[in-house]
C-alpha atoms as a PDB file:
ATOM      1  CA  MET A   1      35.493 166.081 109.339  1.00  0.00           C
ATOM      2  CA  ASN A   2      35.397 168.055 112.556  1.00  0.00           C
ATOM      3  CA  GLN A   3      38.776 169.153 113.797  1.00  0.00           C
ATOM      4  CA  VAL A   4      39.923 169.196 117.379  1.00  0.00           C
ATOM      5  CA  GLN A   5      41.008 172.732 118.152  1.00  0.00           C
ATOM      6  CA  ILE A   6      44.502 172.687 119.634  1.00  0.00           C
ATOM      7  CA  ALA A   7      46.515 175.850 120.195  1.00  0.00           C
ATOM      8  CA  PHE A   8      50.117 175.243 119.162  1.00  0.00           C
ATOM      9  CA  ASP A   9      53.060 177.243 120.354  1.00  0.00           C
ATOM     10  CA  GLY A  10      54.440 178.674 117.125  1.00  0.00           C
ATOM     11  CA  GLU A  11      57.766 176.887 117.519  1.00  0.00           C
ATOM     12  CA  SER A  12      56.939 173.405 116.266  1.00  0.00           C
ATOM     13  CA  LEU A  13      55.720 174.548 112.841  1.00  0.00           C
ATOM     14  CA  ILE A  14      53.539 171.561 112.141  1.00  0.00           C
ATOM     15  CA  THR A  15      51.020 172.834 109.593  1.00  0.00           C
ATOM     16  CA  PRO A  16      51.610 173.466 105.894  1.00  0.00           C
ATOM     17  CA  GLU A  17      50.788 177.136 106.431  1.00  0.00           C
ATOM     18  CA  LEU A  18      53.340 177.541 109.199  1.00  0.00           C
ATOM     19  CA  ILE A  19      56.014 175.751 107.223  1.00  0.00           C
ATOM     20  CA  ALA A  20      55.366 178.039 104.256  1.00  0.00           C
ATOM     21  CA  ALA A  21      55.541 181.105 106.508  1.00  0.00           C
ATOM     22  CA  ASP A  22      58.821 180.008 108.031  1.00  0.00           C
ATOM     23  CA  GLY A  23      60.937 181.435 105.247  1.00  0.00           C
ATOM     24  CA  ARG A  24      61.863 178.173 103.587  1.00  0.00           C
ATOM     25  CA  ALA A  25      59.061 178.740 101.112  1.00  0.00           C
ATOM     26  CA  ILE A  26      60.215 179.688  97.636  1.00  0.00           C
ATOM     27  CA  ASP A  27      60.090 183.393  96.792  1.00  0.00           C
ATOM     28  CA  GLY A  28      59.197 184.705  93.354  1.00  0.00           C
ATOM     29  CA  HIS A  29      57.013 183.392  90.561  1.00  0.00           C
ATOM     30  CA  PRO A  30      57.405 180.169  88.645  1.00  0.00           C
ATOM     31  CA  GLN A  31      58.995 180.270  85.253  1.00  0.00           C
ATOM     32  CA  SER A  32      55.967 180.577  82.990  1.00  0.00           C
ATOM     33  CA  GLU A  33      57.149 178.259  80.207  1.00  0.00           C
ATOM     34  CA  GLN A  34      58.266 175.508  82.577  1.00  0.00           C
ATOM     35  CA  PHE A  35      55.075 175.856  84.600  1.00  0.00           C
ATOM     36  CA  ALA A  36      52.867 175.556  81.512  1.00  0.00           C
ATOM     37  CA  THR A  37      54.658 172.372  80.436  1.00  0.00           C
ATOM     38  CA  ALA A  38      54.668 170.924  83.938  1.00  0.00           C
ATOM     39  CA  ARG A  39      50.968 171.632  84.379  1.00  0.00           C
ATOM     40  CA  VAL A  40      50.144 169.613  81.278  1.00  0.00           C
ATOM     41  CA  GLN A  41      52.447 166.803  82.404  1.00  0.00           C
ATOM     42  CA  LEU A  42      50.845 166.738  85.845  1.00  0.00           C
ATOM     43  CA  GLY A  43      47.380 166.507  84.307  1.00  0.00           C
ATOM     44  CA  LEU A  44      48.430 163.577  82.136  1.00  0.00           C
ATOM     45  CA  VAL A  45      50.003 161.731  85.056  1.00  0.00           C
ATOM     46  CA  MET A  46      46.995 162.214  87.308  1.00  0.00           C
ATOM     47  CA  ASN A  47      44.564 161.232  84.543  1.00  0.00           C
ATOM     48  CA  ILE A  48      46.481 158.061  83.722  1.00  0.00           C
ATOM     49  CA  ALA A  49      46.546 157.024  87.378  1.00  0.00           C
ATOM     50  CA  ARG A  50      42.843 157.835  87.751  1.00  0.00           C
ATOM     51  CA  GLN A  51      41.909 155.801  84.674  1.00  0.00           C
ATOM     52  CA  ARG A  52      43.887 152.835  85.973  1.00  0.00           C
ATOM     53  CA  LEU A  53      42.138 152.969  89.346  1.00  0.00           C
ATOM     54  CA  GLU A  54      38.694 153.331  87.774  1.00  0.00           C
ATOM     55  CA  ALA A  55      39.423 150.486  85.363  1.00  0.00           C
ATOM     56  CA  GLY A  56      40.149 148.150  88.254  1.00  0.00           C
ATOM     57  CA  THR A  57      43.886 148.010  87.714  1.00  0.00           C
ATOM     58  CA  ALA A  58      45.745 146.791  90.789  1.00  0.00           C
ATOM     59  CA  PRO A  59      45.731 149.826  93.087  1.00  0.00           C
ATOM     60  CA  ALA A  60      49.335 149.225  94.127  1.00  0.00           C
ATOM     61  CA  ALA A  61      50.466 149.529  90.501  1.00  0.00           C
ATOM     62  CA  ALA A  62      48.380 152.657  89.858  1.00  0.00           C
ATOM     63  CA  VAL A  63      49.415 154.444  93.049  1.00  0.00           C
ATOM     64  CA  GLY A  64      53.006 153.279  92.627  1.00  0.00           C
ATOM     65  CA  TYR A  65      53.080 154.826  89.160  1.00  0.00           C
ATOM     66  CA  LEU A  66      51.685 158.052  90.595  1.00  0.00           C
ATOM     67  CA  LEU A  67      54.158 158.165  93.501  1.00  0.00           C
ATOM     68  CA  GLU A  68      57.189 157.470  91.318  1.00  0.00           C
ATOM     69  CA  THR A  69      56.204 159.899  88.562  1.00  0.00           C
ATOM     70  CA  LEU A  70      55.465 162.706  91.005  1.00  0.00           C
ATOM     71  CA  HIS A  71      58.847 162.042  92.631  1.00  0.00           C
ATOM     72  CA  ASP A  72      60.597 162.401  89.275  1.00  0.00           C
ATOM     73  CA  MET A  73      58.703 165.620  88.511  1.00  0.00           C
ATOM     74  CA  ARG A  74      59.553 167.144  91.879  1.00  0.00           C
ATOM     75  CA  ARG A  75      63.251 166.410  91.389  1.00  0.00           C
ATOM     76  CA  ALA A  76      63.320 167.809  87.849  1.00  0.00           C
ATOM     77  CA  LEU A  77      61.335 171.013  88.328  1.00  0.00           C
ATOM     78  CA  ASP A  78      62.307 174.392  89.689  1.00  0.00           C
ATOM     79  CA  PRO A  79      61.101 174.416  93.336  1.00  0.00           C
ATOM     80  CA  ALA A  80      58.852 177.412  92.693  1.00  0.00           C
ATOM     81  CA  VAL A  81      57.155 175.601  89.826  1.00  0.00           C
ATOM     82  CA  TRP A  82      56.629 172.523  91.964  1.00  0.00           C
ATOM     83  CA  GLN A  83      55.019 174.613  94.714  1.00  0.00           C
ATOM     84  CA  GLU A  84      52.548 176.004  92.182  1.00  0.00           C
ATOM     85  CA  LEU A  85      51.626 172.490  91.064  1.00  0.00           C
ATOM     86  CA  ILE A  86      50.745 171.237  94.535  1.00  0.00           C
ATOM     87  CA  PRO A  87      47.248 172.791  94.775  1.00  0.00           C
ATOM     88  CA  LEU A  88      46.486 171.636  91.234  1.00  0.00           C
ATOM     89  CA  ALA A  89      47.303 168.061  92.202  1.00  0.00           C
ATOM     90  CA  GLN A  90      45.193 168.345  95.343  1.00  0.00           C
ATOM     91  CA  ASP A  91      42.189 169.581  93.348  1.00  0.00           C
ATOM     92  CA  HIS A  92      42.363 166.808  90.736  1.00  0.00           C
ATOM     93  CA  PRO A  93      39.426 164.343  90.688  1.00  0.00           C
ATOM     94  CA  ILE A  94      41.790 161.469  91.510  1.00  0.00           C
ATOM     95  CA  ALA A  95      41.866 162.782  95.086  1.00  0.00           C
ATOM     96  CA  ALA A  96      38.381 161.356  95.680  1.00  0.00           C
ATOM     97  CA  LEU A  97      39.769 157.898  94.914  1.00  0.00           C
ATOM     98  CA  ILE A  98      43.105 158.231  96.678  1.00  0.00           C
ATOM     99  CA  HIS A  99      41.495 159.651  99.819  1.00  0.00           C
ATOM    100  CA  GLN A 100      39.607 156.426 100.343  1.00  0.00           C
ATOM    101  CA  ASP A 101      42.958 155.313 101.769  1.00  0.00           C
ATOM    102  CA  PRO A 102      42.633 156.053 105.505  1.00  0.00           C
ATOM    103  CA  LEU A 103      46.302 157.040 105.781  1.00  0.00           C
ATOM    104  CA  THR A 104      46.247 159.596 102.962  1.00  0.00           C
ATOM    105  CA  GLN A 105      42.805 160.848 103.971  1.00  0.00           C
ATOM    106  CA  ARG A 106      43.770 161.481 107.592  1.00  0.00           C
ATOM    107  CA  SER A 107      46.928 163.262 106.541  1.00  0.00           C
ATOM    108  CA  PHE A 108      45.004 165.491 104.157  1.00  0.00           C
ATOM    109  CA  GLU A 109      42.082 166.273 106.471  1.00  0.00           C
ATOM    110  CA  LYS A 110      44.125 166.697 109.686  1.00  0.00           C
ATOM    111  CA  PRO A 111      41.386 165.923 112.237  1.00  0.00           C
ATOM    112  CA  ARG A 112      43.606 167.150 115.083  1.00  0.00           C
ATOM    113  CA  GLY A 113      44.456 170.314 113.171  1.00  0.00           C
ATOM    114  CA  TYR A 114      48.058 169.513 112.283  1.00  0.00           C
ATOM    115  CA  SER A 115      50.217 167.217 110.194  1.00  0.00           C
ATOM    116  CA  GLY A 116      51.629 163.933 111.422  1.00  0.00           C
ATOM    117  CA  ASP A 117      49.384 163.463 114.458  1.00  0.00           C
ATOM    118  CA  ALA A 118      49.718 160.325 116.566  1.00  0.00           C
ATOM    119  CA  GLY A 119      46.622 158.737 115.064  1.00  0.00           C
ATOM    120  CA  LEU A 120      48.163 159.056 111.628  1.00  0.00           C
ATOM    121  CA  LEU A 121      51.399 157.580 112.924  1.00  0.00           C
ATOM    122  CA  ASP A 122      49.435 154.587 114.228  1.00  0.00           C
ATOM    123  CA  LEU A 123      48.228 154.026 110.669  1.00  0.00           C
ATOM    124  CA  ILE A 124      51.817 154.281 109.458  1.00  0.00           C
ATOM    125  CA  TYR A 125      52.981 151.858 112.147  1.00  0.00           C
ATOM    126  CA  ARG A 126      50.120 149.487 111.237  1.00  0.00           C
ATOM    127  CA  HIS A 127      49.402 149.466 114.954  1.00  0.00           C
ATOM    128  CA  PRO A 128      46.457 147.396 116.251  1.00  0.00           C
ATOM    129  CA  ASP A 129      44.751 150.587 117.456  1.00  0.00           C
ATOM    130  CA  ALA A 130      44.414 151.651 113.799  1.00  0.00           C
ATOM    131  CA  ALA A 131      42.875 148.365 112.636  1.00  0.00           C
ATOM    132  CA  GLU A 132      39.267 149.494 113.064  1.00  0.00           C
ATOM    133  CA  THR A 133      39.862 152.636 110.993  1.00  0.00           C
ATOM    134  CA  VAL A 134      41.321 150.525 108.197  1.00  0.00           C
ATOM    135  CA  ALA A 135      38.482 147.998 108.413  1.00  0.00           C
ATOM    136  CA  GLN A 136      35.903 150.774 108.010  1.00  0.00           C
ATOM    137  CA  SER A 137      37.491 151.915 104.738  1.00  0.00           C
ATOM    138  CA  THR A 138      36.298 150.885 101.303  1.00  0.00           C
ATOM    139  CA  ALA A 139      37.836 147.922  99.524  1.00  0.00           C
ATOM    140  CA  LEU A 140      39.707 150.349  97.269  1.00  0.00           C
ATOM    141  CA  GLY A 141      40.863 152.350 100.279  1.00  0.00           C
ATOM    142  CA  GLN A 142      42.203 149.244 101.985  1.00  0.00           C
ATOM    143  CA  ALA A 143      44.019 148.195  98.826  1.00  0.00           C
ATOM    144  CA  ILE A 144      45.634 151.617  98.491  1.00  0.00           C
ATOM    145  CA  TYR A 145      46.533 151.556 102.197  1.00  0.00           C
ATOM    146  CA  ASP A 146      48.315 148.257 101.687  1.00  0.00           C
ATOM    147  CA  TYR A 147      50.570 150.148  99.288  1.00  0.00           C
ATOM    148  CA  THR A 148      50.940 153.525 101.017  1.00  0.00           C
ATOM    149  CA  SER A 149      51.636 152.003 104.430  1.00  0.00           C
ATOM    150  CA  HIS A 150      54.574 150.195 102.837  1.00  0.00           C
ATOM    151  CA  ALA A 151      55.887 153.299 101.042  1.00  0.00           C
ATOM    152  CA  PRO A 152      59.507 154.234 101.874  1.00  0.00           C
ATOM    153  CA  SER A 153      58.633 156.891 104.460  1.00  0.00           C
ATOM    154  CA  CYS A 154      56.367 154.483 106.357  1.00  0.00           C
ATOM    155  CA  VAL A 155      58.964 151.723 106.322  1.00  0.00           C
ATOM    156  CA  ALA A 156      61.495 154.244 107.673  1.00  0.00           C
ATOM    157  CA  ALA A 157      59.071 155.389 110.382  1.00  0.00           C
ATOM    158  CA  ARG A 158      58.442 151.829 111.564  1.00  0.00           C
ATOM    159  CA  GLU A 159      62.175 151.223 111.716  1.00  0.00           C
ATOM    160  CA  ARG A 160      62.491 154.467 113.679  1.00  0.00           C
ATOM    161  CA  ILE A 161      60.462 153.220 116.650  1.00  0.00           C
ATOM    162  CA  GLU A 162      62.554 150.050 116.691  1.00  0.00           C
ATOM    163  CA  ILE A 163      65.744 152.143 116.726  1.00  0.00           C
ATOM    164  CA  LEU A 164      64.394 154.300 119.554  1.00  0.00           C
ATOM    165  CA  ALA A 165      63.506 151.277 121.657  1.00  0.00           C
ATOM    166  CA  ARG A 166      66.993 149.842 121.093  1.00  0.00           C
ATOM    167  CA  HIS A 167      68.581 153.105 122.241  1.00  0.00           C
ATOM    168  CA  VAL A 168      66.389 153.185 125.352  1.00  0.00           C
ATOM    169  CA  ASP A 169      67.451 149.646 126.166  1.00  0.00           C
ATOM    170  CA  ALA A 170      71.144 150.279 125.393  1.00  0.00           C
ATOM    171  CA  VAL A 171      71.321 153.417 127.529  1.00  0.00           C
ATOM    172  CA  THR A 172      69.533 151.646 130.375  1.00  0.00           C
ATOM    173  CA  ALA A 173      71.901 148.681 130.168  1.00  0.00           C
ATOM    174  CA  ALA A 174      74.926 151.008 130.180  1.00  0.00           C
ATOM    175  CA  ARG A 175      73.608 152.672 133.330  1.00  0.00           C
ATOM    176  CA  GLY A 176      72.958 149.352 135.034  1.00  0.00           C
ATOM    177  CA  GLY A 177      69.252 150.148 135.163  1.00  0.00           C
ATOM    178  CA  ASP A 178      67.436 153.129 136.707  1.00  0.00           C
ATOM    179  CA  SER A 179      67.841 155.275 133.599  1.00  0.00           C
ATOM    180  CA  GLU A 180      65.890 158.502 133.074  1.00  0.00           C
ATOM    181  CA  ILE A 181      64.432 159.139 129.626  1.00  0.00           C
ATOM    182  CA  LEU A 182      62.826 162.202 127.997  1.00  0.00           C
ATOM    183  CA  THR A 183      60.774 161.948 124.820  1.00  0.00           C
ATOM    184  CA  ILE A 184      59.918 165.235 123.088  1.00  0.00           C
ATOM    185  CA  ALA A 185      56.779 165.213 120.905  1.00  0.00           C
ATOM    186  CA  ALA A 186      56.004 161.739 122.201  1.00  0.00           C
ATOM    187  CA  GLY A 187      52.757 161.105 120.335  1.00  0.00           C
ATOM    188  CA  HIS A 188      51.422 157.750 121.491  1.00  0.00           C
ATOM    189  CA  LEU A 189      54.924 156.613 122.549  1.00  0.00           C
ATOM    190  CA  ARG A 190      54.628 153.372 120.591  1.00  0.00           C
ATOM    191  CA  GLU A 191      58.376 152.669 120.953  1.00  0.00           C
ATOM    192  CA  ALA A 192      57.754 152.031 124.665  1.00  0.00           C
ATOM    193  CA  GLU A 193      55.835 148.900 123.673  1.00  0.00           C
ATOM    194  CA  LEU A 194      59.067 147.556 122.133  1.00  0.00           C
ATOM    195  CA  SER A 195      61.392 148.326 125.055  1.00  0.00           C
ATOM    196  CA  SER A 196      62.575 145.312 127.026  1.00  0.00           C
ATOM    197  CA  ALA A 197      64.047 147.662 129.650  1.00  0.00           C
ATOM    198  CA  LEU A 198      60.594 149.095 130.307  1.00  0.00           C
ATOM    199  CA  GLN A 199      59.003 145.663 130.464  1.00  0.00           C
ATOM    200  CA  GLY A 200      61.730 144.576 132.876  1.00  0.00           C
ATOM    201  CA  GLY A 201      61.165 147.519 135.216  1.00  0.00           C
ATOM    202  CA  GLN A 202      64.693 148.828 134.727  1.00  0.00           C
ATOM    203  CA  ILE A 203      63.791 152.436 133.891  1.00  0.00           C
ATOM    204  CA  LYS A 204      63.545 154.888 136.762  1.00  0.00           C
ATOM    205  CA  ARG A 205      61.638 157.656 134.952  1.00  0.00           C
ATOM    206  CA  TRP A 206      60.396 158.171 131.413  1.00  0.00           C
ATOM    207  CA  VAL A 207      58.893 161.607 130.716  1.00  0.00           C
ATOM    208  CA  ALA A 208      56.702 161.665 127.588  1.00  0.00           C
ATOM    209  CA  LEU A 209      56.194 165.305 126.575  1.00  0.00           C
ATOM    210  CA  ASP A 210      53.640 166.316 123.947  1.00  0.00           C
ATOM    211  CA  GLN A 211      51.593 169.412 123.225  1.00  0.00           C
ATOM    212  CA  ASP A 212      48.543 167.443 122.011  1.00  0.00           C
ATOM    213  CA  PRO A 213      46.317 166.724 125.031  1.00  0.00           C
ATOM    214  CA  LEU A 214      44.732 163.746 123.275  1.00  0.00           C
ATOM    215  CA  SER A 215      48.119 162.089 122.917  1.00  0.00           C
ATOM    216  CA  VAL A 216      49.073 162.908 126.497  1.00  0.00           C
ATOM    217  CA  GLY A 217      45.828 161.391 127.748  1.00  0.00           C
ATOM    218  CA  LEU A 218      46.255 158.173 125.760  1.00  0.00           C
ATOM    219  CA  VAL A 219      49.836 157.664 126.990  1.00  0.00           C
ATOM    220  CA  ALA A 220      48.738 158.312 130.574  1.00  0.00           C
ATOM    221  CA  ARG A 221      45.977 155.706 130.294  1.00  0.00           C
ATOM    222  CA  ASN A 222      48.065 153.094 128.470  1.00  0.00           C
ATOM    223  CA  HIS A 223      50.972 153.337 130.903  1.00  0.00           C
ATOM    224  CA  ALA A 224      49.200 154.039 134.185  1.00  0.00           C
ATOM    225  CA  GLY A 225      51.165 152.694 137.118  1.00  0.00           C
ATOM    226  CA  SER A 226      54.435 152.543 135.193  1.00  0.00           C
ATOM    227  CA  CYS A 227      57.518 154.772 135.277  1.00  0.00           C
ATOM    228  CA  ILE A 228      56.142 156.730 132.291  1.00  0.00           C
ATOM    229  CA  GLU A 229      55.001 160.263 133.084  1.00  0.00           C
ATOM    230  CA  ALA A 230      52.782 161.676 130.333  1.00  0.00           C
ATOM    231  CA  MET A 231      53.154 165.443 130.402  1.00  0.00           C
ATOM    232  CA  PRO A 232      51.737 168.320 128.353  1.00  0.00           C
ATOM    233  CA  GLY A 233      54.499 170.506 126.995  1.00  0.00           C
ATOM    234  CA  SER A 234      55.945 172.199 123.941  1.00  0.00           C
ATOM    235  CA  VAL A 235      59.181 173.242 122.318  1.00  0.00           C
ATOM    236  CA  ARG A 236      58.592 176.773 123.524  1.00  0.00           C
ATOM    237  CA  GLY A 237      58.115 175.548 127.076  1.00  0.00           C
ATOM    238  CA  LEU A 238      61.375 173.607 126.969  1.00  0.00           C
ATOM    239  CA  LEU A 239      63.272 176.553 125.542  1.00  0.00           C
ATOM    240  CA  GLY A 240      61.784 178.790 128.217  1.00  0.00           C
ATOM    241  CA  ASN A 241      62.724 176.444 131.084  1.00  0.00           C
ATOM    242  CA  ALA A 242      59.052 176.135 131.977  1.00  0.00           C
ATOM    243  CA  TYR A 243      58.983 172.594 133.340  1.00  0.00           C
ATOM    244  CA  GLY A 244      61.800 171.958 135.812  1.00  0.00           C
ATOM    245  CA  ILE A 245      61.966 168.295 134.870  1.00  0.00           C
ATOM    246  CA  GLY A 246      65.646 167.797 135.653  1.00  0.00           C
ATOM    247  CA  THR A 247      68.292 165.904 133.705  1.00  0.00           C
ATOM    248  CA  PHE A 248      68.256 162.678 131.736  1.00  0.00           C
ATOM    249  CA  ASP A 249      70.379 159.814 130.492  1.00  0.00           C
ATOM    250  CA  PHE A 250      68.646 159.722 127.101  1.00  0.00           C
ATOM    251  CA  ILE A 251      66.678 162.452 125.349  1.00  0.00           C
ATOM    252  CA  TYR A 252      65.215 162.098 121.892  1.00  0.00           C
ATOM    253  CA  ALA A 253      62.954 163.892 119.440  1.00  0.00           C
ATOM    254  CA  ALA A 254      61.954 161.516 116.687  1.00  0.00           C
ATOM    255  CA  GLY A 255      59.095 163.178 114.803  1.00  0.00           C
ATOM    256  CA  LEU A 256      59.706 166.844 115.457  1.00  0.00           C
ATOM    257  CA  TYR A 257      62.751 168.131 113.587  1.00  0.00           C
ATOM    258  CA  ASP A 258      60.973 167.612 110.248  1.00  0.00           C
ATOM    259  CA  TYR A 259      58.920 170.716 111.173  1.00  0.00           C
ATOM    260  CA  LEU A 260      61.607 172.892 112.782  1.00  0.00           C
ATOM    261  CA  PRO A 261      63.566 175.532 110.882  1.00  0.00           C
ATOM    262  CA  GLU A 262      67.285 175.323 111.492  1.00  0.00           C
ATOM    263  CA  ARG A 263      67.404 178.183 114.008  1.00  0.00           C
ATOM    264  CA  VAL A 264      64.821 176.465 116.243  1.00  0.00           C
ATOM    265  CA  ALA A 265      66.396 173.047 115.716  1.00  0.00           C
ATOM    266  CA  VAL A 266      69.731 174.448 116.923  1.00  0.00           C
ATOM    267  CA  ARG A 267      68.163 176.053 119.994  1.00  0.00           C
ATOM    268  CA  LEU A 268      66.322 172.868 120.897  1.00  0.00           C
ATOM    269  CA  THR A 269      69.467 170.782 120.429  1.00  0.00           C
ATOM    270  CA  GLN A 270      71.366 173.139 122.734  1.00  0.00           C
ATOM    271  CA  LYS A 271      68.642 172.874 125.359  1.00  0.00           C
ATOM    272  CA  CYS A 272      68.551 169.072 125.185  1.00  0.00           C
ATOM    273  CA  LEU A 273      72.316 168.844 125.572  1.00  0.00           C
ATOM    274  CA  GLU A 274      72.075 171.072 128.640  1.00  0.00           C
ATOM    275  CA  MET A 275      69.540 168.623 130.103  1.00  0.00           C
ATOM    276  CA  LEU A 276      71.771 165.583 129.605  1.00  0.00           C
ATOM    277  CA  LYS A 277      73.657 163.946 132.437  1.00  0.00           C
ATOM    278  CA  PRO A 278      77.361 163.197 131.869  1.00  0.00           C
ATOM    279  CA  ASN A 279      77.653 160.478 129.214  1.00  0.00           C
ATOM    280  CA  GLY A 280      74.011 161.048 128.335  1.00  0.00           C
ATOM    281  CA  VAL A 281      72.782 160.644 124.761  1.00  0.00           C
ATOM    282  CA  PHE A 282      70.625 162.939 122.619  1.00  0.00           C
ATOM    283  CA  LEU A 283      69.090 161.669 119.373  1.00  0.00           C
ATOM    284  CA  PHE A 284      66.989 163.398 116.765  1.00  0.00           C
ATOM    285  CA  ALA A 285      65.559 161.986 113.558  1.00  0.00           C
ATOM    286  CA  ASN A 286      64.649 163.696 110.295  1.00  0.00           C
ATOM    287  CA  PHE A 287      63.249 162.430 107.034  1.00  0.00           C
ATOM    288  CA  HIS A 288      65.976 162.503 104.404  1.00  0.00           C
ATOM    289  CA  VAL A 289      66.112 165.032 101.586  1.00  0.00           C
ATOM    290  CA  ASP A 290      65.961 162.182  99.039  1.00  0.00           C
ATOM    291  CA  MET A 291      62.831 160.598 100.544  1.00  0.00           C
ATOM    292  CA  LEU A 292      61.121 158.810  97.684  1.00  0.00           C
ATOM    293  CA  ASP A 293      57.499 159.635  98.505  1.00  0.00           C
ATOM    294  CA  ALA A 294      57.945 163.313  99.440  1.00  0.00           C
ATOM    295  CA  ALA A 295      56.082 164.474  96.319  1.00  0.00           C
ATOM    296  CA  TYR A 296      53.075 162.249  97.055  1.00  0.00           C
ATOM    297  CA  MET A 297      53.047 163.454 100.661  1.00  0.00           C
ATOM    298  CA  GLU A 298      53.186 167.129  99.677  1.00  0.00           C
ATOM    299  CA  THR A 299      50.385 166.805  97.135  1.00  0.00           C
ATOM    300  CA  LEU A 300      47.728 164.186  97.809  1.00  0.00           C
ATOM    301  CA  ALA A 301      48.505 163.864 101.530  1.00  0.00           C
ATOM    302  CA  ASN A 302      49.045 167.609 102.091  1.00  0.00           C
ATOM    303  CA  TRP A 303      51.971 166.784 104.375  1.00  0.00           C
ATOM    304  CA  PRO A 304      55.015 168.960 103.687  1.00  0.00           C
ATOM    305  CA  LEU A 305      58.147 168.339 105.713  1.00  0.00           C
ATOM    306  CA  ILE A 306      61.509 170.030 106.152  1.00  0.00           C
ATOM    307  CA  LEU A 307      63.720 167.329 104.683  1.00  0.00           C
ATOM    308  CA  ARG A 308      67.418 167.221 105.570  1.00  0.00           C
ATOM    309  CA  SER A 309      70.629 165.691 104.287  1.00  0.00           C
ATOM    310  CA  GLU A 310      73.414 164.206 106.359  1.00  0.00           C
ATOM    311  CA  GLU A 311      75.306 167.504 106.069  1.00  0.00           C
ATOM    312  CA  ASP A 312      72.234 169.433 107.251  1.00  0.00           C
ATOM    313  CA  VAL A 313      72.142 167.258 110.384  1.00  0.00           C
ATOM    314  CA  TRP A 314      75.860 167.783 110.962  1.00  0.00           C
ATOM    315  CA  ASN A 315      75.328 171.546 110.622  1.00  0.00           C
ATOM    316  CA  ILE A 316      72.651 171.504 113.330  1.00  0.00           C
ATOM    317  CA  MET A 317      74.954 169.661 115.688  1.00  0.00           C
ATOM    318  CA  ARG A 318      78.009 171.814 114.896  1.00  0.00           C
ATOM    319  CA  SER A 319      75.974 174.968 115.476  1.00  0.00           C
ATOM    320  CA  SER A 320      74.646 173.657 118.787  1.00  0.00           C
ATOM    321  CA  VAL A 321      77.728 172.573 120.725  1.00  0.00           C
ATOM    322  CA  ASP A 322      81.494 172.621 120.923  1.00  0.00           C
ATOM    323  CA  MET A 323      82.213 169.385 119.120  1.00  0.00           C
ATOM    324  CA  ASN A 324      85.291 168.853 121.293  1.00  0.00           C
ATOM    325  CA  THR A 325      82.995 168.235 124.267  1.00  0.00           C
ATOM    326  CA  VAL A 326      80.822 165.543 122.693  1.00  0.00           C
ATOM    327  CA  ASP A 327      80.924 162.455 120.539  1.00  0.00           C
ATOM    328  CA  ALA A 328      78.666 162.871 117.537  1.00  0.00           C
ATOM    329  CA  GLU A 329      77.586 160.739 114.620  1.00  0.00           C
ATOM    330  CA  VAL A 330      75.102 160.784 111.772  1.00  0.00           C
ATOM    331  CA  GLU A 331      73.410 157.582 110.645  1.00  0.00           C
ATOM    332  CA  LEU A 332      71.002 156.656 107.893  1.00  0.00           C
ATOM    333  CA  GLY A 333      68.127 154.233 108.288  1.00  0.00           C
ATOM    334  CA  ALA A 334      68.141 150.993 106.345  1.00  0.00           C
ATOM    335  CA  ASN A 335      66.263 152.372 103.332  1.00  0.00           C
ATOM    336  CA  ARG A 336      68.066 155.759 103.528  1.00  0.00           C
ATOM    337  CA  ASN A 337      64.813 157.705 103.879  1.00  0.00           C
ATOM    338  CA  MET A 338      65.558 158.704 107.501  1.00  0.00           C
ATOM    339  CA  VAL A 339      68.653 160.381 108.931  1.00  0.00           C
ATOM    340  CA  TYR A 340      69.640 160.429 112.614  1.00  0.00           C
ATOM    341  CA  GLY A 341      71.850 162.804 114.582  1.00  0.00           C
ATOM    342  CA  ILE A 342      73.255 161.246 117.751  1.00  0.00           C
ATOM    343  CA  VAL A 343      75.238 163.244 120.330  1.00  0.00           C
ATOM    344  CA  THR A 344      76.844 161.795 123.454  1.00  0.00           C
ATOM    345  CA  LYS A 345      77.858 164.238 126.164  1.00  0.00           C
ATOM    346  CA  ARG A 346      81.283 163.368 127.480  1.00  0.00           C
ATOM    347  CA  GLY A 347      81.494 162.785 131.228  1.00  0.00           C
END
């Protein structure tokens, strides 16, 4: 598949290669005995799942077995051993079957050149704009998609846009209307479609910042004539004060922190808090360290993430601001696969 060539800014760290180069990658060599055993186990697991798919076993059961077993292996193994297994899993013949799923295929092939692009998120959201892509898939691919799009991470991501829309509406109601919103790494801004405040014309300005020009263009077209301002921009640009976009009542970054090392996450949090009005709210979301389908994502979907615990989120906030000047909380999503940091700047 041809890839769109997009030059990223080196701060967002949204490819597997950049994540590995960040310093979170495991140093050293895997323990040879554990690796040899794990390699055999991986082969057995992948072969069993492949045989079940080829035999016509219900795809949900076959892929579910694969997802759960890979999860257990990832948890049990030394991290360095697991990293060595990832390319072996990706090269296994089962990939030709699994990649008939449009969600897993798009994640693996990265047609926009990076992980987690807005088109992939539309597949995760089961958005109408993704329906044609699903319809063009094979019968097996559609059956696998029915399972993968209901995997824990996808359920958490769909809840995330609902949570974002609720926060937009709550902040706007607290301001009596005329709120100003900033979305960082906006993608296709699907949460806007769920906001009653936007539909009611109560928002003064909503800046949707993204460094992918395709996403910026789609948001501009979909929301032409509204208060939404689709704007090209990056983490580096924000940190460098490149945009002069003013201050906001609500700022959020929902799909970005999963790719940011802690030092960049702290700097971005500091910058967002500086851009808040008094009593303004900043929210960031991160997939949780115990996410159940992380192993499947890292292998067959080639989608590694920087997963975080509740304490990791607290550490980012504590390192970013004097906690005596804000109200802060950490929340988990309903299925505990997503964690949220929420900071309110005291007036």
